[in-house]
C-alpha atoms as a PDB file:
ATOM      1  CA  MET A   1     -24.838  -5.421  32.925  1.00  0.00           C
ATOM      2  CA  VAL A   2     -23.358  -6.268  29.544  1.00  0.00           C
ATOM      3  CA  LEU A   3     -19.683  -5.675  28.835  1.00  0.00           C
ATOM      4  CA  VAL A   4     -18.729  -4.632  25.318  1.00  0.00           C
ATOM      5  CA  LEU A   5     -15.097  -4.604  24.185  1.00  0.00           C
ATOM      6  CA  ILE A   6     -14.183  -2.134  21.463  1.00  0.00           C
ATOM      7  CA  LEU A   7     -10.712  -2.585  20.027  1.00  0.00           C
ATOM      8  CA  GLY A   8      -8.468   0.457  20.238  1.00  0.00           C
ATOM      9  CA  GLY A   9      -5.826   0.868  17.558  1.00  0.00           C
ATOM     10  CA  CYS A  10      -2.260   2.046  18.012  1.00  0.00           C
ATOM     11  CA  VAL A  11      -1.396   5.500  16.741  1.00  0.00           C
ATOM     12  CA  SER A  12       1.855   7.285  15.993  1.00  0.00           C
ATOM     13  CA  PHE A  13       2.990  10.886  15.931  1.00  0.00           C
ATOM     14  CA  PHE A  14       6.096  12.519  14.509  1.00  0.00           C
ATOM     15  CA  ILE A  15       8.403  12.189  17.493  1.00  0.00           C
ATOM     16  CA  LYS A  16      12.067  11.412  17.980  1.00  0.00           C
ATOM     17  CA  ASP A  17      13.210   7.783  17.976  1.00  0.00           C
ATOM     18  CA  TYR A  18      14.737   7.849  21.471  1.00  0.00           C
ATOM     19  CA  GLY A  19      14.053   9.561  24.784  1.00  0.00           C
ATOM     20  CA  PHE A  20      10.379  10.514  24.338  1.00  0.00           C
ATOM     21  CA  VAL A  21       7.504   9.097  26.356  1.00  0.00           C
ATOM     22  CA  ALA A  22       3.844   9.815  25.583  1.00  0.00           C
ATOM     23  CA  ARG A  23       1.638  10.737  28.520  1.00  0.00           C
ATOM     24  CA  ASP A  24      -0.656   8.234  30.199  1.00  0.00           C
ATOM     25  CA  ASP A  25      -4.232   8.933  31.270  1.00  0.00           C
ATOM     26  CA  LYS A  26      -3.024   9.437  34.867  1.00  0.00           C
ATOM     27  CA  LYS A  27       0.372  10.108  36.401  1.00  0.00           C
ATOM     28  CA  VAL A  28       1.824   7.049  38.115  1.00  0.00           C
ATOM     29  CA  ARG A  29       4.732   8.527  40.089  1.00  0.00           C
ATOM     30  CA  LYS A  30       4.009   9.429  43.703  1.00  0.00           C
ATOM     31  CA  ASP A  31       5.875  12.730  43.337  1.00  0.00           C
ATOM     32  CA  GLY A  32       3.601  13.735  40.462  1.00  0.00           C
ATOM     33  CA  LYS A  33       6.461  13.946  37.977  1.00  0.00           C
ATOM     34  CA  ALA A  34       6.315  12.591  34.445  1.00  0.00           C
ATOM     35  CA  VAL A  35       7.555   9.102  33.605  1.00  0.00           C
ATOM     36  CA  PHE A  36      11.347   9.152  33.332  1.00  0.00           C
ATOM     37  CA  ILE A  37      12.925   7.884  30.114  1.00  0.00           C
ATOM     38  CA  SER A  38      16.625   8.112  29.314  1.00  0.00           C
ATOM     39  CA  GLU A  39      17.943   9.518  26.043  1.00  0.00           C
ATOM     40  CA  ASN A  40      19.102   6.053  24.913  1.00  0.00           C
ATOM     41  CA  THR A  41      15.702   4.380  25.391  1.00  0.00           C
ATOM     42  CA  PRO A  42      13.431   3.780  22.351  1.00  0.00           C
ATOM     43  CA  SER A  43      10.539   6.250  22.455  1.00  0.00           C
ATOM     44  CA  ILE A  44       6.954   5.520  23.500  1.00  0.00           C
ATOM     45  CA  SER A  45       4.521   6.962  20.964  1.00  0.00           C
ATOM     46  CA  GLN A  46       1.318   6.190  22.876  1.00  0.00           C
ATOM     47  CA  GLY A  47       0.803   5.728  26.594  1.00  0.00           C
ATOM     48  CA  PHE A  48      -1.586   3.773  28.764  1.00  0.00           C
ATOM     49  CA  ARG A  49      -5.026   5.317  28.210  1.00  0.00           C
ATOM     50  CA  PRO A  50      -7.806   2.813  28.937  1.00  0.00           C
ATOM     51  CA  GLU A  51     -11.380   3.991  29.081  1.00  0.00           C
ATOM     52  CA  LEU A  52     -14.391   2.455  30.805  1.00  0.00           C
ATOM     53  CA  SER A  53     -17.822   4.003  30.366  1.00  0.00           C
ATOM     54  CA  ASP A  54     -20.949   2.956  32.239  1.00  0.00           C
ATOM     55  CA  GLY A  55     -24.423   3.002  30.787  1.00  0.00           C
ATOM     56  CA  PRO A  56     -27.744   1.701  32.118  1.00  0.00           C
ATOM     57  CA  PHE A  57     -27.333  -1.613  30.307  1.00  0.00           C
ATOM     58  CA  ILE A  58     -23.877  -1.623  28.689  1.00  0.00           C
ATOM     59  CA  LYS A  59     -20.360  -1.211  30.038  1.00  0.00           C
ATOM     60  CA  THR A  60     -17.913  -0.330  27.261  1.00  0.00           C
ATOM     61  CA  VAL A  61     -14.152  -0.858  27.349  1.00  0.00           C
ATOM     62  CA  THR A  62     -12.143   1.174  24.845  1.00  0.00           C
ATOM     63  CA  GLY A  63      -8.858   3.023  24.751  1.00  0.00           C
ATOM     64  CA  HIS A  64      -5.261   1.852  24.791  1.00  0.00           C
ATOM     65  CA  HIS A  65      -4.344  -0.803  27.359  1.00  0.00           C
ATOM     66  CA  GLY A  66      -0.572  -0.780  26.983  1.00  0.00           C
ATOM     67  CA  ILE A  67       2.298   1.306  25.674  1.00  0.00           C
ATOM     68  CA  ASP A  68       3.598   1.544  22.088  1.00  0.00           C
ATOM     69  CA  ILE A  69       7.383   1.387  21.686  1.00  0.00           C
ATOM     70  CA  LEU A  70       8.870   2.655  18.450  1.00  0.00           C
ATOM     71  CA  GLY A  71      11.467   0.741  16.465  1.00  0.00           C
ATOM     72  CA  LYS A  72      12.447  -0.480  13.043  1.00  0.00           C
ATOM     73  CA  LYS A  73      11.212  -3.779  11.654  1.00  0.00           C
ATOM     74  CA  GLY A  74      13.429  -6.576  12.890  1.00  0.00           C
ATOM     75  CA  THR A  75      14.437  -4.822  16.132  1.00  0.00           C
ATOM     76  CA  PRO A  76      14.819  -7.448  18.888  1.00  0.00           C
ATOM     77  CA  VAL A  77      11.953  -7.785  21.371  1.00  0.00           C
ATOM     78  CA  ILE A  78      13.042  -9.189  24.743  1.00  0.00           C
ATOM     79  CA  SER A  79      11.175 -10.512  27.755  1.00  0.00           C
ATOM     80  CA  CYS A  80      10.519  -7.958  30.506  1.00  0.00           C
ATOM     81  CA  ALA A  81      10.996 -10.638  33.204  1.00  0.00           C
ATOM     82  CA  ALA A  82      11.479 -14.388  33.592  1.00  0.00           C
ATOM     83  CA  GLY A  83       8.467 -16.611  32.987  1.00  0.00           C
ATOM     84  CA  ILE A  84       6.793 -19.254  30.842  1.00  0.00           C
ATOM     85  CA  VAL A  85       5.277 -18.633  27.404  1.00  0.00           C
ATOM     86  CA  TYR A  86       1.529 -18.789  27.959  1.00  0.00           C
ATOM     87  CA  ASP A  87       0.616 -18.252  24.298  1.00  0.00           C
ATOM     88  CA  ALA A  88       2.320 -17.543  20.979  1.00  0.00           C
ATOM     89  CA  PHE A  89       0.148 -17.169  17.891  1.00  0.00           C
ATOM     90  CA  TYR A  90      -1.123 -14.897  15.130  1.00  0.00           C
ATOM     91  CA  ASP A  91      -4.437 -13.074  15.103  1.00  0.00           C
ATOM     92  CA  ILE A  92      -5.964 -10.756  12.547  1.00  0.00           C
ATOM     93  CA  PHE A  93      -6.016  -7.628  14.736  1.00  0.00           C
ATOM     94  CA  TYR A  94      -2.753  -7.800  16.718  1.00  0.00           C
ATOM     95  CA  GLY A  95      -0.670  -9.921  14.354  1.00  0.00           C
ATOM     96  CA  HIS A  96       2.065 -12.109  15.781  1.00  0.00           C
ATOM     97  CA  ARG A  97       1.825 -12.025  19.567  1.00  0.00           C
ATOM     98  CA  VAL A  98       3.565 -13.613  22.531  1.00  0.00           C
ATOM     99  CA  VAL A  99       2.142 -13.817  26.052  1.00  0.00           C
ATOM    100  CA  ILE A 100       4.411 -14.678  28.996  1.00  0.00           C
ATOM    101  CA  GLU A 101       3.142 -15.674  32.436  1.00  0.00           C
ATOM    102  CA  HIS A 102       5.237 -14.501  35.391  1.00  0.00           C
ATOM    103  CA  GLY A 103       3.574 -16.260  38.319  1.00  0.00           C
ATOM    104  CA  GLN A 104       0.864 -14.818  40.565  1.00  0.00           C
ATOM    105  CA  ASP A 105       0.301 -11.706  42.636  1.00  0.00           C
ATOM    106  CA  GLU A 106      -0.709 -11.517  46.326  1.00  0.00           C
ATOM    107  CA  GLN A 107      -4.330 -12.374  45.410  1.00  0.00           C
ATOM    108  CA  ASP A 108      -3.191 -15.444  43.423  1.00  0.00           C
ATOM    109  CA  LEU A 109      -4.112 -13.777  40.128  1.00  0.00           C
ATOM    110  CA  PRO A 110      -1.874 -14.553  37.134  1.00  0.00           C
ATOM    111  CA  ILE A 111       0.579 -11.871  35.985  1.00  0.00           C
ATOM    112  CA  ARG A 112       1.184 -11.795  32.246  1.00  0.00           C
ATOM    113  CA  SER A 113       3.102  -9.599  29.815  1.00  0.00           C
ATOM    114  CA  LYS A 114       1.909  -9.289  26.221  1.00  0.00           C
ATOM    115  CA  TYR A 115       3.855  -8.387  23.080  1.00  0.00           C
ATOM    116  CA  PHE A 116       1.828  -7.537  19.949  1.00  0.00           C
ATOM    117  CA  HIS A 117       2.445  -6.766  16.241  1.00  0.00           C
ATOM    118  CA  LEU A 118       5.663  -8.817  16.117  1.00  0.00           C
ATOM    119  CA  GLN A 119       7.289  -9.398  12.757  1.00  0.00           C
ATOM    120  CA  LYS A 120       8.446 -12.821  13.905  1.00  0.00           C
ATOM    121  CA  ARG A 121       7.933 -15.058  16.958  1.00  0.00           C
ATOM    122  CA  LEU A 122      11.015 -16.873  18.272  1.00  0.00           C
ATOM    123  CA  VAL A 123       9.366 -18.828  21.109  1.00  0.00           C
ATOM    124  CA  LYS A 124       6.487 -21.254  21.488  1.00  0.00           C
ATOM    125  CA  LYS A 125       3.905 -22.056  24.127  1.00  0.00           C
ATOM    126  CA  GLY A 126       5.442 -23.731  27.188  1.00  0.00           C
ATOM    127  CA  ASP A 127       8.986 -22.370  26.711  1.00  0.00           C
ATOM    128  CA  ASN A 128      10.823 -21.205  29.840  1.00  0.00           C
ATOM    129  CA  ILE A 129      12.036 -17.647  29.342  1.00  0.00           C
ATOM    130  CA  ASP A 130      14.753 -15.630  31.088  1.00  0.00           C
ATOM    131  CA  ARG A 131      14.616 -11.891  31.613  1.00  0.00           C
ATOM    132  CA  GLY A 132      16.149 -10.179  28.576  1.00  0.00           C
ATOM    133  CA  GLN A 133      15.818 -13.250  26.333  1.00  0.00           C
ATOM    134  CA  GLN A 134      14.809 -12.433  22.767  1.00  0.00           C
ATOM    135  CA  ILE A 135      11.275 -13.652  22.088  1.00  0.00           C
ATOM    136  CA  GLY A 136      10.661 -12.085  18.687  1.00  0.00           C
ATOM    137  CA  THR A 137      11.278  -9.129  16.423  1.00  0.00           C
ATOM    138  CA  LEU A 138       9.414  -5.841  16.239  1.00  0.00           C
ATOM    139  CA  GLY A 139       7.064  -5.433  13.294  1.00  0.00           C
ATOM    140  CA  ARG A 140       3.722  -4.111  12.080  1.00  0.00           C
ATOM    141  CA  THR A 141       1.573  -7.233  11.713  1.00  0.00           C
ATOM    142  CA  GLY A 142      -2.175  -7.181  12.308  1.00  0.00           C
ATOM    143  CA  LEU A 143      -4.879  -4.768  11.210  1.00  0.00           C
ATOM    144  CA  LEU A 144      -4.340  -2.476  14.213  1.00  0.00           C
ATOM    145  CA  ALA A 145      -0.597  -2.044  13.729  1.00  0.00           C
ATOM    146  CA  GLY A 146      -0.455   0.900  11.322  1.00  0.00           C
ATOM    147  CA  PHE A 147       3.299   1.447  11.741  1.00  0.00           C
ATOM    148  CA  PRO A 148       6.286  -0.581  13.037  1.00  0.00           C
ATOM    149  CA  HIS A 149       6.189  -0.735  16.836  1.00  0.00           C
ATOM    150  CA  LEU A 150       5.788  -3.018  19.830  1.00  0.00           C
ATOM    151  CA  HIS A 151       2.502  -2.844  21.721  1.00  0.00           C
ATOM    152  CA  PHE A 152       3.394  -3.951  25.272  1.00  0.00           C
ATOM    153  CA  GLU A 153       0.884  -4.767  28.018  1.00  0.00           C
ATOM    154  CA  ILE A 154       0.825  -6.010  31.594  1.00  0.00           C
ATOM    155  CA  ARG A 155      -2.281  -7.906  32.678  1.00  0.00           C
ATOM    156  CA  ILE A 156      -3.141  -9.138  36.153  1.00  0.00           C
ATOM    157  CA  GLY A 157      -6.119 -11.467  36.289  1.00  0.00           C
ATOM    158  CA  ASP A 158      -8.011 -13.750  33.972  1.00  0.00           C
ATOM    159  CA  SER A 159      -8.396 -11.924  30.673  1.00  0.00           C
ATOM    160  CA  LEU A 160     -10.985 -14.506  29.575  1.00  0.00           C
ATOM    161  CA  ASN A 161     -13.304 -13.344  32.362  1.00  0.00           C
ATOM    162  CA  LEU A 162     -14.865 -10.199  30.896  1.00  0.00           C
ATOM    163  CA  SER A 163     -16.117  -9.081  34.325  1.00  0.00           C
ATOM    164  CA  ILE A 164     -12.488  -8.289  35.231  1.00  0.00           C
ATOM    165  CA  ILE A 165     -10.781  -5.315  33.595  1.00  0.00           C
ATOM    166  CA  ASP A 166      -7.268  -6.502  34.242  1.00  0.00           C
ATOM    167  CA  SER A 167      -4.947  -4.209  32.273  1.00  0.00           C
ATOM    168  CA  VAL A 168      -2.400  -2.375  34.424  1.00  0.00           C
ATOM    169  CA  ASN A 169      -0.136   0.521  33.507  1.00  0.00           C
ATOM    170  CA  PRO A 170       3.263  -1.040  32.622  1.00  0.00           C
ATOM    171  CA  HIS A 171       5.021   1.964  34.169  1.00  0.00           C
ATOM    172  CA  ARG A 172       4.075   0.662  37.628  1.00  0.00           C
ATOM    173  CA  PHE A 173       6.524  -2.240  37.473  1.00  0.00           C
ATOM    174  CA  TRP A 174       9.980  -0.987  36.407  1.00  0.00           C
ATOM    175  CA  VAL A 175      12.847  -2.324  38.535  1.00  0.00           C
ATOM    176  CA  ASP A 176      14.189   1.197  39.185  1.00  0.00           C
ATOM    177  CA  GLY A 177      10.828   2.303  40.566  1.00  0.00           C
ATOM    178  CA  ILE A 178       7.321   3.294  39.536  1.00  0.00           C
ATOM    179  CA  GLY A 179       7.489   5.526  36.488  1.00  0.00           C
ATOM    180  CA  ILE A 180      11.251   5.128  36.016  1.00  0.00           C
ATOM    181  CA  ILE A 181      11.880   3.136  32.831  1.00  0.00           C
ATOM    182  CA  THR A 182      14.631   0.550  33.357  1.00  0.00           C
ATOM    183  CA  CYS A 183      16.800  -0.660  30.469  1.00  0.00           C
ATOM    184  CA  TYR A 184      17.809  -4.318  30.509  1.00  0.00           C
ATOM    185  CA  ASP A 185      21.573  -4.820  30.967  1.00  0.00           C
ATOM    186  CA  ILE A 186      23.004  -8.340  30.815  1.00  0.00           C
ATOM    187  CA  ASN A 187      25.853  -7.276  33.098  1.00  0.00           C
ATOM    188  CA  LYS A 188      23.512  -6.548  36.020  1.00  0.00           C
ATOM    189  CA  GLN A 189      21.783  -8.884  38.449  1.00  0.00           C
ATOM    190  CA  TRP A 190      18.020  -8.628  38.516  1.00  0.00           C
ATOM    191  CA  PRO A 191      15.538  -9.665  41.263  1.00  0.00           C
ATOM    192  CA  ASP A 192      13.261 -12.634  40.604  1.00  0.00           C
ATOM    193  CA  THR A 193      10.627 -11.453  43.093  1.00  0.00           C
ATOM    194  CA  PRO A 194       8.537  -9.426  43.434  1.00  0.00           C
ATOM    195  CA  PHE A 195       7.462  -9.049  39.817  1.00  0.00           C
ATOM    196  CA  GLN A 196       9.424  -6.150  38.324  1.00  0.00           C
ATOM    197  CA  THR A 197      10.139  -5.360  34.700  1.00  0.00           C
ATOM    198  CA  THR A 198      12.858  -4.141  32.384  1.00  0.00           C
ATOM    199  CA  TYR A 199      12.277  -2.538  28.986  1.00  0.00           C
ATOM    200  CA  PRO A 200      11.105  -5.048  26.349  1.00  0.00           C
ATOM    201  CA  VAL A 201      13.257  -3.479  23.608  1.00  0.00           C
ATOM    202  CA  PRO A 202      17.065  -3.109  23.980  1.00  0.00           C
ATOM    203  CA  CYS A 203      18.317   0.376  24.817  1.00  0.00           C
ATOM    204  CA  ARG A 204      20.994   1.982  22.705  1.00  0.00           C
ATOM    205  CA  GLU A 205      24.602   1.385  23.849  1.00  0.00           C
ATOM    206  CA  VAL A 206      23.521  -1.058  26.592  1.00  0.00           C
ATOM    207  CA  ASP A 207      24.668  -4.719  26.495  1.00  0.00           C
ATOM    208  CA  TRP A 208      21.638  -6.997  26.372  1.00  0.00           C
ATOM    209  CA  GLN A 209      23.159 -10.223  24.976  1.00  0.00           C
END
């Protein structure tokens, strides 16, 4: 079996700047309700919609393996949880990107968050990062950007091993619960374990620094 990766671009629609969340391929909340987003949270223009098709000789991975968060160029991008910068570099498709490693899951697989299309990177490989720390600014760099936004992913596993499709819906990890988007607030105390996330872009009228 051969695995072929086809890059999926990020798309935008005419939606409001705050309080909108695009649908994912499958509902993540146990009660079947839509993902909750507050009116002060920057909108998500595209949800988690990965696709995997099987053929007799080729397995093809397409779709959208994260969520796209709207914002103006220069908007702060903050870490969703504490960790260590695994990579920080520029590539032609995703522009300026930062990857943070957050330890391992129960199967000893690495947990990483990824931040693409940044206008500017403010951290380097090996830096220790706190939850809510600014790691860059939102932008539209890379050929797949199209419009200013943050493409945000959660990966569990070794992304270099193409036999593992390791993207996971980011909505599964919010501190307030699965499918309940959690704004970062510097005035609150946050758990270090298990791995749980806060929004990687500051929410309106919430102290983040």
